[in-house]
Amino acid sequence: MTSPDVLVRVATARGVTTLTLDSPHNRNALSTALMTQLLAGLTDAVADDAVRVIVLDHTGPVFCSGADLKETAAAYASGTVPAGMLGDVLAALWECPKPILARVAGPARAGGLGLIAAADLAVCADEATFAFTEVRIGVIPAVISATVLPRLHPRAAAELYLTGNTFDGRRAVEVGLVTASVPAQELDDVVRGYCDSLVRGAPGALAGTKDLLRRPGTAELRGDLARLAALSTGYFLSEEGREGVMAFREKRSPRWVAALDAERGDQAG
């Protein structure tokens, strides 16, 4: 029986290790515990010579909802937030010498998009939805920008970052976030096909090819992530960030939206 404390399940077969986010009760939010287990699973997979490919998967209908805002709200008193740890996770994924493929069967938001962008390949179901929702809770998509911006077309990045609008799998392909969007019933076959192709590559050649693909900025990625993590923490701890997180937790509009709605109501009256 699986322990309820296991938030990332690990399974290996035929050279493929699957790391499955298994925290459906909070939509696979990026809690400190989940990120710690994800890092451990990734480290073990890299160290195992029998592992040739890593798949990032999920249980439940949601791939990843982003930062764990319940944990974030509880951490305010300490003057730090768990989002700062996300930089370590993204760096580990980005620097991994083995190919990583993200299997996305459901919605991804905010930090979850950072995970997808950090993977070498990403396949989603057509029905999956995506959104950079940070600005709507008073923070910015700082940490994930290290992996997301190299993938996105600049105009699309500006639109999606600033509006926080939701987009589907087909748009995710168009803007460069994912590799392919397929009907849900075909998702596993497509993922399996990519894995079958990847394991045919020589391990050393795959690692070397990943180095080529990461040039020229890979040497600065960890330093960049450290700066972005500090920036992200500042926004989470700001007045707007605190209000946005609490409003989300309390299922209400944040003050800056409520004030606008009230003004519109007065004008309509």
Protein backbone atom coordinates (compact mmCIF):
# COMPACT_ATOMS: atom_id res chain seq x y z
CA MET A 1 0.00 0.00 0.00
CA THR A 2 1.31 3.45 -0.92
CA SER A 3 2.05 5.73 2.03
CA PRO A 4 -0.03 8.93 2.10
CA ASP A 5 3.26 10.77 2.60
CA VAL A 6 4.49 9.69 -0.83
CA LEU A 7 3.76 12.64 -3.12
CA VAL A 8 5.98 11.54 -6.01
CA ARG A 9 5.79 7.90 -7.08
CA VAL A 10 8.71 6.33 -8.93
CA ALA A 11 8.51 3.41 -11.37
CA THR A 12 11.12 2.09 -13.79
CA ALA A 13 10.61 -0.24 -16.75
CA ARG A 14 12.56 -0.85 -19.95
CA GLY A 15 14.97 2.00 -19.35
CA VAL A 16 12.28 4.57 -18.56
CA THR A 17 11.77 6.01 -15.07
CA THR A 18 8.41 7.67 -14.52
CA LEU A 19 8.17 10.28 -11.78
CA THR A 20 4.47 10.72 -11.03
CA LEU A 21 3.20 13.72 -9.10
CA ASP A 22 0.75 12.07 -6.72
CA SER A 23 -0.85 14.82 -4.64
CA PRO A 24 -4.31 15.08 -6.22
CA HIS A 25 -5.90 16.44 -3.04
CA ASN A 26 -4.29 19.82 -3.78
CA ARG A 27 -4.04 19.43 -7.56
CA ASN A 28 -0.38 18.42 -7.39
CA ALA A 29 0.59 21.82 -6.01
CA LEU A 30 4.30 22.49 -5.60
CA SER A 31 4.60 22.04 -1.86
CA THR A 32 8.00 21.77 -0.20
CA ALA A 33 7.42 18.06 0.41
CA LEU A 34 6.47 17.35 -3.20
CA MET A 35 9.42 19.30 -4.59
CA THR A 36 11.81 17.56 -2.17
CA GLN A 37 10.58 14.16 -3.31
CA LEU A 38 10.71 15.16 -6.96
CA LEU A 39 14.34 16.22 -6.58
CA ALA A 40 15.18 12.94 -4.83
CA GLY A 41 13.52 10.88 -7.53
CA LEU A 42 15.30 12.80 -10.24
CA THR A 43 18.67 12.39 -8.52
CA ASP A 44 18.17 8.63 -8.22
CA ALA A 45 17.14 8.33 -11.87
CA VAL A 46 20.20 10.23 -13.04
CA ALA A 47 22.48 8.01 -10.93
CA ASP A 48 20.97 4.76 -12.27
CA ASP A 49 22.81 3.70 -15.43
CA ALA A 50 19.87 1.50 -16.41
CA VAL A 51 17.64 4.58 -16.74
CA ARG A 52 17.79 6.16 -20.18
CA VAL A 53 14.69 8.39 -20.19
CA ILE A 54 12.66 10.17 -17.50
CA VAL A 55 8.93 10.81 -17.81
CA LEU A 56 7.21 13.42 -15.65
CA ASP A 57 3.61 12.29 -15.11
CA HIS A 58 0.73 12.97 -12.72
CA THR A 59 -2.27 11.40 -11.04
CA GLY A 60 -5.66 13.09 -10.83
CA PRO A 61 -7.20 15.42 -13.39
CA VAL A 62 -4.65 18.27 -12.91
CA PHE A 63 -1.00 18.08 -13.97
CA CYS A 64 0.14 20.80 -11.55
CA SER A 65 -1.66 23.85 -10.15
CA GLY A 66 1.52 25.78 -9.36
CA ALA A 67 2.66 26.99 -5.95
CA ASP A 68 1.02 25.52 -2.86
CA LEU A 69 -0.80 28.66 -1.75
CA LYS A 70 -2.00 27.09 1.50
CA GLU A 71 1.61 26.44 2.48
CA THR A 72 2.57 29.89 1.18
CA ALA A 73 -0.02 31.64 3.34
CA ALA A 74 1.11 29.68 6.40
CA ALA A 75 4.75 30.59 5.73
CA TYR A 76 4.24 34.37 5.65
CA ALA A 77 5.05 34.70 9.32
CA SER A 78 8.53 33.30 8.71
CA GLY A 79 9.32 35.84 5.99
CA THR A 80 9.93 33.19 3.34
CA VAL A 81 7.83 31.20 0.89
CA PRO A 82 8.19 27.70 -0.63
CA ALA A 83 8.22 29.13 -4.16
CA GLY A 84 11.92 29.86 -3.64
CA MET A 85 12.68 26.12 -3.79
CA LEU A 86 11.21 25.85 -7.27
CA GLY A 87 14.45 27.19 -8.72
CA ASP A 88 16.32 24.10 -7.50
CA VAL A 89 13.73 21.83 -9.11
CA LEU A 90 13.81 23.64 -12.46
CA ALA A 91 17.61 23.70 -12.51
CA ALA A 92 17.76 19.96 -11.82
CA LEU A 93 15.29 19.24 -14.62
CA TRP A 94 17.01 21.59 -17.07
CA GLU A 95 20.52 20.28 -16.32
CA CYS A 96 19.54 16.60 -16.28
CA PRO A 97 21.81 14.68 -18.68
CA LYS A 98 19.00 12.28 -19.57
CA PRO A 99 16.03 13.20 -21.78
CA ILE A 100 12.93 14.28 -19.84
CA LEU A 101 9.44 14.05 -21.29
CA ALA A 102 6.41 15.65 -19.62
CA ARG A 103 3.08 13.83 -20.01
CA VAL A 104 0.32 16.38 -19.45
CA ALA A 105 -3.20 14.95 -19.34
CA GLY A 106 -4.84 17.88 -17.58
CA PRO A 107 -4.57 21.54 -16.62
CA ALA A 108 -1.30 23.20 -15.64
CA ARG A 109 -0.97 26.60 -14.05
CA ALA A 110 1.86 28.95 -13.08
CA GLY A 111 4.74 26.91 -11.64
CA GLY A 112 3.44 23.79 -13.35
CA LEU A 113 4.27 25.43 -16.67
CA GLY A 114 7.83 25.85 -15.45
CA LEU A 115 8.08 22.07 -15.03
CA ILE A 116 6.72 21.49 -18.54
CA ALA A 117 9.12 24.01 -20.07
CA ALA A 118 12.09 22.48 -18.22
CA ALA A 119 11.41 19.11 -19.85
CA ASP A 120 13.04 18.40 -23.21
CA LEU A 121 9.79 17.18 -24.73
CA ALA A 122 6.20 17.69 -23.60
CA VAL A 123 3.05 16.02 -24.89
CA CYS A 124 -0.38 17.16 -23.74
CA ALA A 125 -3.96 16.15 -24.31
CA ASP A 126 -5.93 18.53 -26.53
CA GLU A 127 -8.25 19.14 -23.57
CA ALA A 128 -5.43 20.29 -21.26
CA THR A 129 -5.44 23.97 -20.40
CA PHE A 130 -2.66 26.31 -19.36
CA ALA A 131 -2.35 29.75 -17.79
CA PHE A 132 0.27 32.02 -16.26
CA THR A 133 -1.99 33.15 -13.43
CA GLU A 134 0.64 34.92 -11.30
CA VAL A 135 -0.39 38.52 -12.04
CA ARG A 136 -3.94 37.74 -10.93
CA ILE A 137 -2.75 37.04 -7.39
CA GLY A 138 -0.31 39.94 -7.24
CA VAL A 139 2.95 38.14 -8.03
CA ILE A 140 5.02 37.59 -11.17
CA PRO A 141 6.17 34.46 -13.07
CA ALA A 142 9.76 35.10 -12.08
CA VAL A 143 11.34 31.71 -11.33
CA ILE A 144 9.68 29.84 -14.17
CA SER A 145 10.85 32.47 -16.67
CA ALA A 146 14.28 30.82 -16.69
CA THR A 147 12.80 27.77 -18.44
CA VAL A 148 9.62 29.20 -19.99
CA LEU A 149 10.95 32.23 -21.89
CA PRO A 150 13.48 30.23 -23.94
CA ARG A 151 10.51 28.15 -25.17
CA LEU A 152 7.89 30.83 -25.84
CA HIS A 153 7.67 33.17 -28.79
CA PRO A 154 8.19 36.72 -27.43
CA ARG A 155 4.82 38.16 -28.48
CA ALA A 156 3.00 35.15 -27.05
CA ALA A 157 4.99 35.44 -23.82
CA ALA A 158 3.93 39.08 -23.41
CA GLU A 159 0.27 38.27 -24.09
CA LEU A 160 0.06 35.22 -21.85
CA TYR A 161 2.18 36.60 -18.99
CA LEU A 162 0.35 39.92 -18.80
CA THR A 163 -3.24 38.74 -19.29
CA GLY A 164 -3.14 35.49 -17.32
CA ASN A 165 -5.60 34.14 -19.89
CA THR A 166 -6.22 30.42 -20.28
CA PHE A 167 -5.12 28.67 -23.47
CA ASP A 168 -5.49 25.13 -24.78
CA GLY A 169 -3.14 22.42 -25.96
CA ARG A 170 -3.15 23.49 -29.60
CA ARG A 171 -2.17 27.04 -28.64
CA ALA A 172 0.50 25.62 -26.33
CA VAL A 173 2.07 23.96 -29.38
CA GLU A 174 1.81 27.16 -31.44
CA VAL A 175 3.63 29.26 -28.83
CA GLY A 176 6.32 26.64 -28.18
CA LEU A 177 5.37 25.50 -24.68
CA VAL A 178 4.70 21.87 -25.64
CA THR A 179 5.94 19.56 -28.38
CA ALA A 180 2.63 18.00 -29.36
CA SER A 181 -1.05 18.13 -28.44
CA VAL A 182 -3.05 15.00 -29.16
CA PRO A 183 -6.50 13.54 -28.40
CA ALA A 184 -6.60 12.22 -24.84
CA GLN A 185 -7.05 8.62 -25.97
CA GLU A 186 -3.80 8.85 -27.97
CA LEU A 187 -1.68 10.46 -25.26
CA ASP A 188 -0.12 7.31 -23.84
CA ASP A 189 0.69 5.91 -27.29
CA VAL A 190 2.44 9.12 -28.32
CA VAL A 191 4.41 9.27 -25.07
CA ARG A 192 5.39 5.63 -25.49
CA GLY A 193 6.49 6.31 -29.07
CA TYR A 194 8.77 9.14 -27.98
CA CYS A 195 10.25 6.97 -25.22
CA ASP A 196 10.90 4.13 -27.68
CA SER A 197 12.79 6.58 -29.90
CA LEU A 198 14.75 8.17 -27.06
CA VAL A 199 16.05 4.91 -25.60
CA ARG A 200 17.63 4.10 -28.97
CA GLY A 201 20.04 6.99 -28.55
CA ALA A 202 23.48 6.40 -27.02
CA PRO A 203 23.48 7.75 -23.43
CA GLY A 204 26.63 9.80 -23.90
CA ALA A 205 25.44 11.19 -27.22
CA LEU A 206 22.06 12.13 -25.74
CA ALA A 207 23.76 13.97 -22.87
CA GLY A 208 26.08 15.74 -25.31
CA THR A 209 23.18 16.70 -27.55
CA LYS A 210 21.35 18.16 -24.54
CA ASP A 211 24.44 20.29 -23.85
CA LEU A 212 24.28 21.59 -27.41
CA LEU A 213 20.60 22.41 -27.10
CA ARG A 214 21.15 24.33 -23.86
CA ARG A 215 23.86 26.61 -25.23
CA PRO A 216 24.71 29.42 -24.76
CA GLY A 217 22.98 30.30 -21.49
CA THR A 218 23.11 27.10 -19.49
CA ALA A 219 26.17 28.09 -17.44
CA GLU A 220 24.25 31.04 -16.03
CA LEU A 221 20.97 29.22 -15.39
CA ARG A 222 21.51 28.51 -11.70
CA GLY A 223 22.64 32.04 -10.98
CA ASP A 224 19.69 33.38 -12.96
CA LEU A 225 17.31 31.13 -11.04
CA ALA A 226 18.74 32.33 -7.72
CA ARG A 227 18.08 35.95 -8.72
CA LEU A 228 14.60 35.12 -9.99
CA ALA A 229 13.76 33.16 -6.83
CA ALA A 230 14.67 36.21 -4.73
CA LEU A 231 12.51 38.38 -7.00
CA SER A 232 9.60 35.95 -6.75
CA THR A 233 9.86 35.81 -2.96
CA GLY A 234 9.73 39.61 -2.82
CA TYR A 235 6.47 39.67 -4.75
CA PHE A 236 4.90 36.90 -2.68
CA LEU A 237 5.78 38.86 0.47
CA SER A 238 4.53 42.18 -0.93
CA GLU A 239 1.19 43.69 0.06
CA GLU A 240 -0.32 42.74 -3.30
CA GLY A 241 1.06 39.23 -3.13
CA ARG A 242 -0.28 38.61 0.36
CA GLU A 243 -3.70 39.97 -0.63
CA GLY A 244 -3.78 37.91 -3.82
CA VAL A 245 -2.89 34.67 -2.05
CA MET A 246 -5.46 35.26 0.70
CA ALA A 247 -8.15 36.19 -1.84
CA PHE A 248 -7.48 32.99 -3.77
CA ARG A 249 -7.61 30.95 -0.58
CA GLU A 250 -10.86 32.67 0.49
CA LYS A 251 -12.41 32.30 -3.00
CA ARG A 252 -13.01 36.02 -3.43
CA SER A 253 -11.78 38.76 -5.74
CA PRO A 254 -8.60 40.54 -4.64
CA ARG A 255 -9.01 44.20 -3.67
CA TRP A 256 -7.83 45.54 -7.02
CA VAL A 257 -10.54 43.58 -8.85
CA ALA A 258 -13.25 44.22 -6.26
CA ALA A 259 -12.65 47.97 -6.46
CA LEU A 260 -12.98 47.90 -10.25
CA ASP A 261 -16.17 45.84 -10.07
CA ALA A 262 -17.62 48.29 -7.55
CA GLU A 263 -16.78 51.25 -9.82
CA ARG A 264 -18.43 49.54 -12.78
CA GLY A 265 -21.50 48.87 -10.65
CA ASP A 266 -21.75 52.54 -9.65
CA GLN A 267 -21.47 53.63 -13.29
CA ALA A 268 -24.12 51.15 -14.36
CA GLY A 269 -26.44 52.38 -11.62
